[in-house]
Amino acid sequence: MSLENKENDEKRFSSKVAYFTNKAFDSPSFFRLWIAQVVSATGDWLGLLAISILAIRVGSGNEGAALSLVLGARIAPGFFFGPLAGVFVDRWDRKRVMIFCDIGRAIVMMILPFVNNLIGLFIASLILEALTMLWSPAKEASVPNLVSEKFLTSANSLSLVAAYGTFPLGAGLMALFGRLSTALFDSSWADNIRLDDMGLAFYANAVSFLLTALLISTLDLPKNRNVEKTDSQGVKKYLADPINELKHGWQFAFINPVVRTVNAGLATAMLGAGMVIPLGVIYADELLGAGKSGFGVLLTALGFGVGAGVLLVFFFRKNIDKERTFTRVLFGAGISLFATVSTGQIHFAMTMLFIGGICLGVVYVVGFTLLHENVEDNMRGRIFATFYLLVRACVLLALVVGPLIEDGLDRLSSVLWDRNIEVAGLEIALPGVRISLWLAALIVFSAGVLSKVSLRAGETKSLPEINGERN
């Protein structure tokens, strides 16, 4: 009798779990994919922190250059390999692509504890980024196959939480491994297998990738049509097709009005928002008087805003006009950044950045949902690879150009008005950092204008459809 009751309790528990996953995640398959994202993203943050710290240690005496070299290796593959990665994702079995990439990244992480020079770190970073450039479009292209269309907005909200909400977990694990390495593994055998803080972090990241591969292997993903088509082709045709497919993908990305709007809008917005990263510390120190640590407080406010934006989309997803919302929140992000830079009070700046974070959270979720809804399955890999390429290029450009613009404008301001002007008896500080960030706010605002114009052009002009593949 007790055994029967136990079996009944287990069945009831299983049914409750199944009900929860279907209600909160739309399907058990997407729930497993989401758990895989959480595990993988936590490992990614942990690995990025560990690689950055190791680069600083290895490059003793030239820490900044060493860190820039290694982080540059995480960006460079996107420009050369990114477009082709989308073609491969659309031609290959996406589940196998993700599993292969996770196993490959795990192997690299297992090797990294024994790397003790910048060249090795650079090569490892290149390989990791190339595999990530395959994994990310494959994951994004698979989401609509696991959930219903009405759940896509919620799915993208959950994906954003998995991608960026796991940073504290990665940072916490990094700190924990630092303590464990000194407390538990202070011996020669531990040194031989690199059980220091870096080694533990890399091994944990490898385990996270293997666990992600295991979870993805359980997904029931349909085989995309291009896999069967390429299987029946000859070698010559197989090698020639990627060029045509790449061209069709780029055509669709810039001809379809909705896809063009999302790509152009988010890429332009990131060009402006990306300037905040190198200039934010100067702004917090010079204009807010909060010291260099004040930038961390501002980033915290921004992060909470992003989380609030994701929640807003999640709860009001049924009443959102996605296309109009996308353009409006870009306007809101530009206005909030302008207001942030215009103040000298840290509390007001935090409030404005919180609002800006809400706008960023909303635009990310709505943008990804629009791409999922407006792109056919056989082209999603290329479209998302194009999206990642454009965003990365704009962020990199902002990181490089932002400090140069700030330096030039600061010199100009010093010559023209001694970095201060007086308006109606009120003295306003105009150092280069404030003018540069006003320019950044204007770029973000212009992203909203560009998106609105792009959508209107799509409504008034008949555009060719390239949803299907050309034979």
Protein backbone atom coordinates (compact mmCIF):
# COMPACT_ATOMS: atom_id res chain seq x y z
CA MET A 1 0.00 0.00 0.00
CA SER A 2 2.78 2.39 0.88
CA LEU A 3 4.53 1.57 -2.42
CA GLU A 4 1.34 2.36 -4.34
CA ASN A 5 0.95 5.66 -2.50
CA LYS A 6 4.54 6.50 -3.27
CA GLU A 7 3.98 5.83 -6.98
CA ASN A 8 0.83 7.98 -6.93
CA ASP A 9 2.73 10.81 -5.22
CA GLU A 10 5.45 10.58 -7.86
CA LYS A 11 2.87 10.72 -10.65
CA ARG A 12 1.18 13.74 -9.08
CA PHE A 13 4.54 15.47 -8.70
CA SER A 14 5.46 14.69 -12.31
CA SER A 15 2.13 16.05 -13.54
CA LYS A 16 2.62 19.25 -11.51
CA VAL A 17 6.10 19.71 -12.96
CA ALA A 18 4.76 19.14 -16.48
CA TYR A 19 1.95 21.65 -15.86
CA PHE A 20 4.42 24.24 -14.58
CA THR A 21 6.80 23.86 -17.52
CA ASN A 22 3.95 24.06 -20.04
CA LYS A 23 2.46 27.11 -18.33
CA ALA A 24 5.69 29.04 -17.71
CA PHE A 25 7.77 27.84 -20.69
CA ASP A 26 5.10 26.70 -23.19
CA SER A 27 6.81 23.33 -23.71
CA PRO A 28 9.15 20.95 -21.87
CA SER A 29 11.62 21.23 -24.77
CA PHE A 30 11.96 24.99 -24.42
CA PHE A 31 12.28 24.57 -20.66
CA ARG A 32 15.29 22.30 -21.24
CA LEU A 33 16.74 24.75 -23.76
CA TRP A 34 16.29 27.57 -21.26
CA ILE A 35 18.05 25.60 -18.51
CA ALA A 36 20.83 24.93 -21.02
CA GLN A 37 21.06 28.68 -21.67
CA VAL A 38 21.28 29.43 -17.94
CA VAL A 39 24.06 26.88 -17.43
CA SER A 40 25.92 27.94 -20.58
CA ALA A 41 25.65 31.69 -19.85
CA THR A 42 26.85 31.23 -16.28
CA GLY A 43 29.85 29.34 -17.62
CA ASP A 44 30.42 32.01 -20.28
CA TRP A 45 30.59 34.80 -17.69
CA LEU A 46 32.83 32.69 -15.48
CA GLY A 47 35.13 31.88 -18.41
CA LEU A 48 35.28 35.48 -19.60
CA LEU A 49 36.26 36.69 -16.12
CA ALA A 50 38.85 33.93 -15.78
CA ILE A 51 40.38 34.61 -19.21
CA SER A 52 40.52 38.35 -18.48
CA ILE A 53 42.24 37.81 -15.11
CA LEU A 54 44.67 35.29 -16.62
CA ALA A 55 45.51 37.74 -19.44
CA ILE A 56 46.35 40.40 -16.86
CA ARG A 57 48.56 37.96 -14.93
CA VAL A 58 50.35 36.68 -18.03
CA GLY A 59 50.86 40.17 -19.42
CA SER A 60 52.52 41.51 -16.28
CA GLY A 61 53.89 44.96 -16.99
CA ASN A 62 51.62 45.40 -20.04
CA GLU A 63 48.30 44.44 -18.47
CA GLY A 64 46.14 46.78 -20.53
CA ALA A 65 47.62 45.68 -23.85
CA ALA A 66 47.36 42.01 -22.90
CA LEU A 67 43.71 42.35 -21.91
CA SER A 68 42.90 44.30 -25.09
CA LEU A 69 44.57 41.64 -27.24
CA VAL A 70 42.66 38.76 -25.66
CA LEU A 71 39.29 40.56 -25.62
CA GLY A 72 39.92 41.65 -29.22
CA ALA A 73 40.15 37.97 -30.12
CA ARG A 74 36.60 37.56 -28.79
CA ILE A 75 35.35 40.19 -31.23
CA ALA A 76 37.43 39.70 -34.39
CA PRO A 77 35.97 36.35 -35.61
CA GLY A 78 32.53 37.91 -35.89
CA PHE A 79 33.63 40.13 -38.77
CA PHE A 80 35.24 37.36 -40.83
CA PHE A 81 33.34 34.25 -39.80
CA GLY A 82 29.97 35.69 -38.69
CA PRO A 83 28.24 35.89 -42.09
CA LEU A 84 29.35 32.39 -43.12
CA ALA A 85 28.37 31.01 -39.72
CA GLY A 86 24.75 31.87 -40.49
CA VAL A 87 24.96 30.01 -43.82
CA PHE A 88 26.36 26.92 -42.10
CA VAL A 89 23.65 27.03 -39.42
CA ASP A 90 20.98 27.06 -42.14
CA ARG A 91 22.66 24.19 -44.01
CA TRP A 92 23.48 21.89 -41.11
CA ASP A 93 21.46 20.13 -38.42
CA ARG A 94 21.15 22.83 -35.73
CA LYS A 95 21.01 20.45 -32.79
CA ARG A 96 24.25 18.80 -33.90
CA VAL A 97 25.82 22.24 -34.43
CA MET A 98 25.03 23.27 -30.85
CA ILE A 99 26.25 19.98 -29.39
CA PHE A 100 29.47 20.11 -31.44
CA CYS A 101 30.12 23.71 -30.37
CA ASP A 102 29.54 22.95 -26.70
CA ILE A 103 31.89 19.95 -26.76
CA GLY A 104 34.48 22.01 -28.65
CA ARG A 105 34.27 24.85 -26.11
CA ALA A 106 34.55 22.35 -23.26
CA ILE A 107 37.78 20.95 -24.75
CA VAL A 108 39.25 24.45 -25.08
CA MET A 109 38.36 25.18 -21.45
CA MET A 110 40.05 21.97 -20.32
CA ILE A 111 43.26 23.07 -22.08
CA LEU A 112 43.25 26.68 -20.88
CA PRO A 113 44.54 25.98 -17.32
CA PHE A 114 47.83 24.84 -18.91
CA VAL A 115 48.21 27.92 -21.13
CA ASN A 116 50.67 30.43 -19.73
CA ASN A 117 51.33 32.85 -22.61
CA LEU A 118 49.40 35.50 -24.54
CA ILE A 119 49.60 33.69 -27.89
CA GLY A 120 47.89 30.64 -26.41
CA LEU A 121 45.20 32.78 -24.79
CA PHE A 122 44.67 34.64 -28.07
CA ILE A 123 44.25 31.42 -30.08
CA ALA A 124 41.93 29.90 -27.47
CA SER A 125 39.80 33.05 -27.48
CA LEU A 126 39.56 32.96 -31.27
CA ILE A 127 38.37 29.35 -31.24
CA LEU A 128 35.86 30.01 -28.44
CA GLU A 129 34.37 32.97 -30.27
CA ALA A 130 34.17 31.12 -33.61
CA LEU A 131 32.24 28.29 -31.92
CA THR A 132 29.98 30.81 -30.17
CA MET A 133 29.26 32.46 -33.53
CA LEU A 134 27.82 29.12 -34.65
CA TRP A 135 26.04 28.27 -31.40
CA SER A 136 24.13 31.54 -30.93
CA PRO A 137 22.39 31.72 -34.36
CA ALA A 138 21.60 28.00 -34.12
CA LYS A 139 19.93 28.54 -30.75
CA GLU A 140 17.98 31.59 -31.91
CA ALA A 141 16.86 29.83 -35.08
CA SER A 142 15.60 26.88 -33.02
CA VAL A 143 13.41 28.82 -30.56
CA PRO A 144 10.34 29.18 -32.86
CA ASN A 145 10.42 25.40 -33.41
CA LEU A 146 10.01 24.77 -29.67
CA VAL A 147 7.29 27.24 -28.67
CA SER A 148 4.04 28.52 -30.15
CA GLU A 149 4.05 31.86 -31.96
CA LYS A 150 2.07 33.57 -29.19
CA PHE A 151 4.78 32.59 -26.67
CA LEU A 152 7.75 34.01 -28.65
CA THR A 153 7.76 37.29 -26.71
CA SER A 154 7.86 35.43 -23.39
CA ALA A 155 10.54 33.09 -24.72
CA ASN A 156 12.79 36.02 -25.65
CA SER A 157 12.19 37.63 -22.26
CA LEU A 158 13.31 34.42 -20.57
CA SER A 159 16.33 34.17 -22.89
CA LEU A 160 17.43 37.69 -21.94
CA VAL A 161 17.20 36.76 -18.25
CA ALA A 162 19.31 33.66 -18.91
CA ALA A 163 21.93 35.59 -20.91
CA TYR A 164 22.50 38.58 -18.63
CA GLY A 165 20.90 37.71 -15.31
CA THR A 166 23.54 35.02 -14.78
CA PHE A 167 26.45 37.48 -14.56
CA PRO A 168 26.25 37.66 -10.73
CA LEU A 169 26.37 33.84 -10.63
CA GLY A 170 29.51 33.78 -12.76
CA ALA A 171 31.17 36.51 -10.68
CA GLY A 172 30.19 34.76 -7.45
CA LEU A 173 31.66 31.46 -8.64
CA MET A 174 34.88 33.25 -9.59
CA ALA A 175 35.18 34.61 -6.05
CA LEU A 176 34.31 31.21 -4.55
CA PHE A 177 36.98 29.41 -6.57
CA GLY A 178 39.52 31.97 -5.40
CA ARG A 179 38.83 30.98 -1.80
CA LEU A 180 38.65 27.24 -2.51
CA SER A 181 41.98 27.19 -4.31
CA THR A 182 43.83 28.56 -1.27
CA ALA A 183 41.84 26.68 1.35
CA LEU A 184 41.67 23.19 -0.14
CA PHE A 185 44.28 22.68 -2.84
CA ASP A 186 47.56 23.99 -1.48
CA SER A 187 49.67 21.00 -2.52
CA SER A 188 52.00 19.90 -5.33
CA TRP A 189 49.54 17.45 -6.93
CA ALA A 190 46.94 20.21 -7.12
CA ASP A 191 49.49 22.46 -8.80
CA ASN A 192 50.25 19.77 -11.39
CA ILE A 193 46.63 19.67 -12.57
CA ARG A 194 46.18 23.43 -12.12
CA LEU A 195 43.65 23.45 -9.30
CA ASP A 196 44.19 27.14 -8.63
CA ASP A 197 41.44 29.74 -8.95
CA MET A 198 41.87 29.98 -12.74
CA GLY A 199 41.96 26.22 -13.19
CA LEU A 200 38.82 25.66 -11.13
CA ALA A 201 37.01 28.35 -13.12
CA PHE A 202 38.01 26.85 -16.47
CA TYR A 203 37.14 23.29 -15.39
CA ALA A 204 33.75 24.46 -14.09
CA ASN A 205 33.12 26.20 -17.41
CA ALA A 206 34.00 23.01 -19.28
CA VAL A 207 31.50 21.08 -17.15
CA SER A 208 28.84 23.71 -17.89
CA PHE A 209 29.36 23.27 -21.64
CA LEU A 210 29.18 19.48 -21.39
CA LEU A 211 25.97 19.71 -19.35
CA THR A 212 24.54 22.11 -21.95
CA ALA A 213 25.40 19.64 -24.73
CA LEU A 214 23.64 16.88 -22.80
CA LEU A 215 20.50 18.97 -22.34
CA ILE A 216 20.40 20.01 -26.01
CA SER A 217 20.80 16.39 -27.11
CA THR A 218 17.38 15.68 -25.54
CA LEU A 219 15.58 18.31 -27.65
CA ASP A 220 13.24 17.23 -30.42
CA LEU A 221 14.16 19.70 -33.15
CA PRO A 222 12.87 19.29 -36.71
CA LYS A 223 15.44 18.87 -39.44
CA ASN A 224 15.51 22.02 -41.56
CA ARG A 225 14.86 21.67 -45.27
CA ASN A 226 18.31 22.87 -46.32
CA VAL A 227 19.95 19.86 -44.63
CA GLU A 228 18.09 17.44 -46.87
CA LYS A 229 18.70 19.64 -49.92
CA THR A 230 22.47 19.83 -49.42
CA ASP A 231 22.68 16.12 -48.70
CA SER A 232 21.53 15.39 -52.28
CA GLN A 233 23.89 17.88 -53.97
CA GLY A 234 27.19 17.22 -55.63
CA VAL A 235 30.41 18.59 -54.19
CA LYS A 236 30.69 21.40 -56.76
CA LYS A 237 27.12 22.59 -56.16
CA TYR A 238 27.55 22.22 -52.39
CA LEU A 239 30.61 24.50 -52.41
CA ALA A 240 29.03 27.08 -54.73
CA ASP A 241 25.72 27.45 -52.89
CA PRO A 242 27.02 29.19 -49.73
CA ILE A 243 27.87 32.32 -51.74
CA ASN A 244 24.35 32.49 -53.17
CA GLU A 245 22.79 31.75 -49.80
CA LEU A 246 24.90 34.43 -48.13
CA LYS A 247 23.76 36.93 -50.78
CA HIS A 248 20.09 35.97 -50.33
CA GLY A 249 20.41 36.33 -46.56
CA TRP A 250 21.88 39.84 -46.80
CA GLN A 251 19.24 40.83 -49.37
CA PHE A 252 16.46 39.67 -47.10
CA ALA A 253 18.01 41.41 -44.08
CA PHE A 254 17.93 44.78 -45.83
CA ILE A 255 14.84 44.43 -48.04
CA ASN A 256 12.28 43.01 -45.62
CA PRO A 257 11.02 46.15 -43.79
CA VAL A 258 10.66 44.61 -40.33
CA VAL A 259 13.99 42.75 -40.38
CA ARG A 260 15.72 45.84 -41.78
CA THR A 261 14.16 47.98 -39.04
CA VAL A 262 15.34 45.70 -36.24
CA ASN A 263 18.87 45.33 -37.63
CA ALA A 264 19.35 49.03 -38.41
CA GLY A 265 17.60 50.24 -35.25
CA LEU A 266 19.44 48.07 -32.75
CA ALA A 267 22.82 48.40 -34.48
CA THR A 268 22.57 52.21 -34.54
CA ALA A 269 21.36 52.30 -30.95
CA MET A 270 24.32 50.18 -29.85
CA LEU A 271 26.67 52.59 -31.62
CA GLY A 272 25.46 55.33 -29.28
CA ALA A 273 24.92 53.22 -26.15
CA GLY A 274 28.32 51.56 -26.59
CA MET A 275 30.05 54.91 -26.07
CA VAL A 276 28.79 54.89 -22.47
CA ILE A 277 31.11 51.97 -21.64
CA PRO A 278 34.48 53.73 -22.11
CA LEU A 279 33.17 57.20 -21.13
CA GLY A 280 30.96 56.28 -18.18
CA VAL A 281 33.82 56.22 -15.65
CA ILE A 282 34.93 59.73 -16.69
CA TYR A 283 31.33 61.00 -16.50
CA ALA A 284 30.77 59.58 -13.01
CA ASP A 285 34.06 61.05 -11.77
CA GLU A 286 34.08 64.50 -13.42
CA LEU A 287 30.41 65.48 -13.60
CA LEU A 288 28.75 63.55 -10.78
CA GLY A 289 31.65 63.69 -8.34
CA ALA A 290 30.95 60.07 -7.46
CA GLY A 291 34.48 58.84 -8.11
CA LYS A 292 35.34 56.01 -10.44
CA SER A 293 33.32 53.58 -8.30
CA GLY A 294 30.21 55.65 -9.03
CA PHE A 295 30.08 54.12 -12.49
CA GLY A 296 29.35 50.75 -10.87
CA VAL A 297 26.34 52.28 -9.11
CA LEU A 298 25.07 53.66 -12.43
CA LEU A 299 25.52 50.27 -14.13
CA THR A 300 23.53 48.65 -11.33
CA ALA A 301 20.65 51.06 -11.92
CA LEU A 302 20.84 50.32 -15.65
CA GLY A 303 20.81 46.57 -15.00
CA PHE A 304 17.74 46.78 -12.76
CA GLY A 305 16.05 48.85 -15.46
CA VAL A 306 16.74 46.18 -18.08
CA GLY A 307 15.23 43.57 -15.77
CA ALA A 308 12.15 45.75 -15.22
CA GLY A 309 11.78 46.20 -18.99
CA VAL A 310 11.87 42.45 -19.54
CA LEU A 311 9.19 41.96 -16.89
CA LEU A 312 7.00 44.66 -18.45
CA VAL A 313 7.13 42.94 -21.83
CA PHE A 314 6.42 39.59 -20.19
CA PHE A 315 3.30 40.79 -18.37
CA PHE A 316 1.91 43.01 -21.16
CA ARG A 317 2.96 40.86 -24.13
CA LYS A 318 -0.62 40.33 -25.32
CA ASN A 319 -1.33 44.06 -25.67
CA ILE A 320 1.92 45.18 -27.31
CA ASP A 321 2.07 46.49 -30.87
CA LYS A 322 5.62 45.24 -31.39
CA GLU A 323 6.62 47.38 -34.38
CA ARG A 324 5.46 50.66 -32.86
CA THR A 325 6.81 49.74 -29.44
CA PHE A 326 10.23 49.03 -30.95
CA THR A 327 10.56 52.53 -32.41
CA ARG A 328 9.07 54.31 -29.39
CA VAL A 329 11.39 52.73 -26.84
CA LEU A 330 14.39 53.71 -28.97
CA PHE A 331 13.21 57.31 -28.71
CA GLY A 332 12.81 56.79 -24.95
CA ALA A 333 16.33 55.37 -24.61
CA GLY A 334 17.83 58.37 -26.39
CA ILE A 335 15.89 60.88 -24.27
CA SER A 336 16.78 59.14 -20.99
CA LEU A 337 20.49 59.06 -21.90
CA PHE A 338 20.39 62.77 -22.78
CA ALA A 339 18.71 63.57 -19.45
CA THR A 340 21.27 61.42 -17.59
CA VAL A 341 24.21 63.27 -19.10
CA SER A 342 22.60 66.69 -18.53
CA THR A 343 22.47 66.33 -14.75
CA GLY A 344 25.10 66.64 -12.07
CA GLN A 345 23.10 64.74 -9.44
CA ILE A 346 23.81 61.04 -9.11
CA HIS A 347 20.34 60.13 -7.84
CA PHE A 348 18.66 61.76 -10.85
CA ALA A 349 21.21 60.11 -13.13
CA MET A 350 20.40 56.72 -11.59
CA THR A 351 16.68 57.30 -12.14
CA MET A 352 17.18 58.25 -15.77
CA LEU A 353 19.46 55.28 -16.38
CA PHE A 354 16.88 53.00 -14.79
CA ILE A 355 14.34 54.31 -17.31
CA GLY A 356 16.89 53.87 -20.09
CA GLY A 357 17.44 50.29 -18.94
CA ILE A 358 13.69 49.65 -19.19
CA CYS A 359 13.80 50.87 -22.79
CA LEU A 360 16.80 48.65 -23.60
CA GLY A 361 15.15 45.58 -22.08
CA VAL A 362 11.96 46.18 -24.05
CA VAL A 363 13.72 46.88 -27.36
CA TYR A 364 15.86 43.73 -27.06
CA VAL A 365 12.93 41.40 -26.39
CA VAL A 366 10.61 43.00 -28.95
CA GLY A 367 13.37 43.13 -31.58
CA PHE A 368 14.22 39.44 -31.26
CA THR A 369 10.54 38.52 -31.31
CA LEU A 370 10.01 40.49 -34.53
CA LEU A 371 12.91 38.62 -36.14
CA HIS A 372 11.50 35.26 -35.03
CA GLU A 373 8.05 36.13 -36.37
CA ASN A 374 9.12 37.56 -39.73
CA VAL A 375 11.84 35.16 -40.86
CA GLU A 376 11.24 31.69 -42.28
CA ASP A 377 13.01 28.75 -40.64
CA ASN A 378 15.34 28.13 -43.60
CA MET A 379 16.85 31.62 -43.30
CA ARG A 380 16.92 32.33 -39.55
CA GLY A 381 20.55 31.33 -39.08
CA ARG A 382 21.75 33.89 -41.63
CA ILE A 383 19.50 36.66 -40.30
CA PHE A 384 20.60 36.23 -36.70
CA ALA A 385 24.25 35.93 -37.74
CA THR A 386 23.84 39.22 -39.66
CA PHE A 387 22.20 40.80 -36.62
CA TYR A 388 25.05 39.75 -34.31
CA LEU A 389 27.62 40.96 -36.84
CA LEU A 390 26.06 44.44 -37.15
CA VAL A 391 25.65 44.87 -33.39
CA ARG A 392 29.21 43.72 -32.67
CA ALA A 393 30.62 46.02 -35.32
CA CYS A 394 28.78 49.02 -33.90
CA VAL A 395 29.77 48.25 -30.31
CA LEU A 396 33.42 47.83 -31.32
CA LEU A 397 33.30 51.09 -33.28
CA ALA A 398 31.82 52.85 -30.24
CA LEU A 399 34.53 51.46 -27.94
CA VAL A 400 37.28 52.64 -30.28
CA VAL A 401 35.85 55.97 -31.45
CA GLY A 402 34.20 57.09 -28.19
CA PRO A 403 37.41 57.96 -26.30
CA LEU A 404 38.88 59.65 -29.39
CA ILE A 405 35.81 61.85 -29.80
CA GLU A 406 35.85 62.70 -26.09
CA ASP A 407 39.49 63.72 -26.20
CA GLY A 408 39.02 65.88 -29.30
CA LEU A 409 35.89 67.59 -27.98
CA ASP A 410 37.51 68.18 -24.59
CA ARG A 411 40.41 70.00 -26.27
CA LEU A 412 37.99 72.02 -28.40
CA SER A 413 35.86 72.92 -25.37
CA SER A 414 38.94 74.05 -23.45
CA VAL A 415 39.94 76.39 -26.29
CA LEU A 416 36.49 77.81 -27.09
CA TRP A 417 34.87 78.31 -23.67
CA ASP A 418 37.23 76.94 -21.05
CA ARG A 419 34.97 73.86 -20.59
CA ASN A 420 32.20 75.98 -19.01
CA ILE A 421 29.46 78.27 -20.35
CA GLU A 422 27.01 80.57 -18.61
CA VAL A 423 23.33 80.59 -19.60
CA ALA A 424 20.91 82.99 -17.84
CA GLY A 425 23.28 83.30 -14.93
CA LEU A 426 23.63 79.52 -14.60
CA GLU A 427 27.06 78.02 -15.12
CA ILE A 428 27.05 74.76 -17.08
CA ALA A 429 30.08 72.46 -17.26
CA LEU A 430 30.83 71.41 -20.83
CA PRO A 431 33.79 69.04 -20.74
CA GLY A 432 34.37 66.73 -23.66
CA VAL A 433 32.74 63.77 -21.92
CA ARG A 434 29.39 65.55 -21.59
CA ILE A 435 29.36 66.70 -25.21
CA SER A 436 30.39 63.20 -26.37
CA LEU A 437 27.62 61.53 -24.38
CA TRP A 438 25.10 64.07 -25.70
CA LEU A 439 26.22 62.97 -29.14
CA ALA A 440 25.74 59.33 -28.07
CA ALA A 441 22.19 60.15 -26.91
CA LEU A 442 21.51 61.80 -30.26
CA ILE A 443 22.70 58.66 -32.07
CA VAL A 444 20.36 56.48 -29.99
CA PHE A 445 17.49 58.90 -30.67
CA SER A 446 18.31 58.79 -34.39
CA ALA A 447 17.98 54.99 -34.22
CA GLY A 448 14.32 55.55 -33.38
CA VAL A 449 13.95 57.97 -36.32
CA LEU A 450 15.68 55.48 -38.64
CA SER A 451 13.39 52.66 -37.46
CA LYS A 452 10.26 54.72 -37.97
CA VAL A 453 11.32 55.76 -41.49
CA SER A 454 12.19 52.15 -42.33
CA LEU A 455 8.79 50.86 -41.23
CA ARG A 456 6.92 53.60 -43.10
CA ALA A 457 8.88 52.83 -46.25
CA GLY A 458 7.84 49.21 -45.89
CA GLU A 459 4.18 50.20 -45.54
CA THR A 460 4.08 52.50 -48.57
CA LYS A 461 6.34 50.66 -51.00
CA SER A 462 5.77 47.22 -52.44
CA LEU A 463 8.83 45.15 -51.65
CA PRO A 464 9.83 41.79 -53.19
CA GLU A 465 9.47 38.76 -50.99
CA ILE A 466 12.60 36.65 -50.46
CA ASN A 467 11.26 34.40 -47.70
CA GLY A 468 11.89 31.23 -49.68
CA GLU A 469 15.18 30.00 -51.04
CA ARG A 470 15.87 30.59 -54.75
CA ASN A 471 16.31 27.46 -56.76
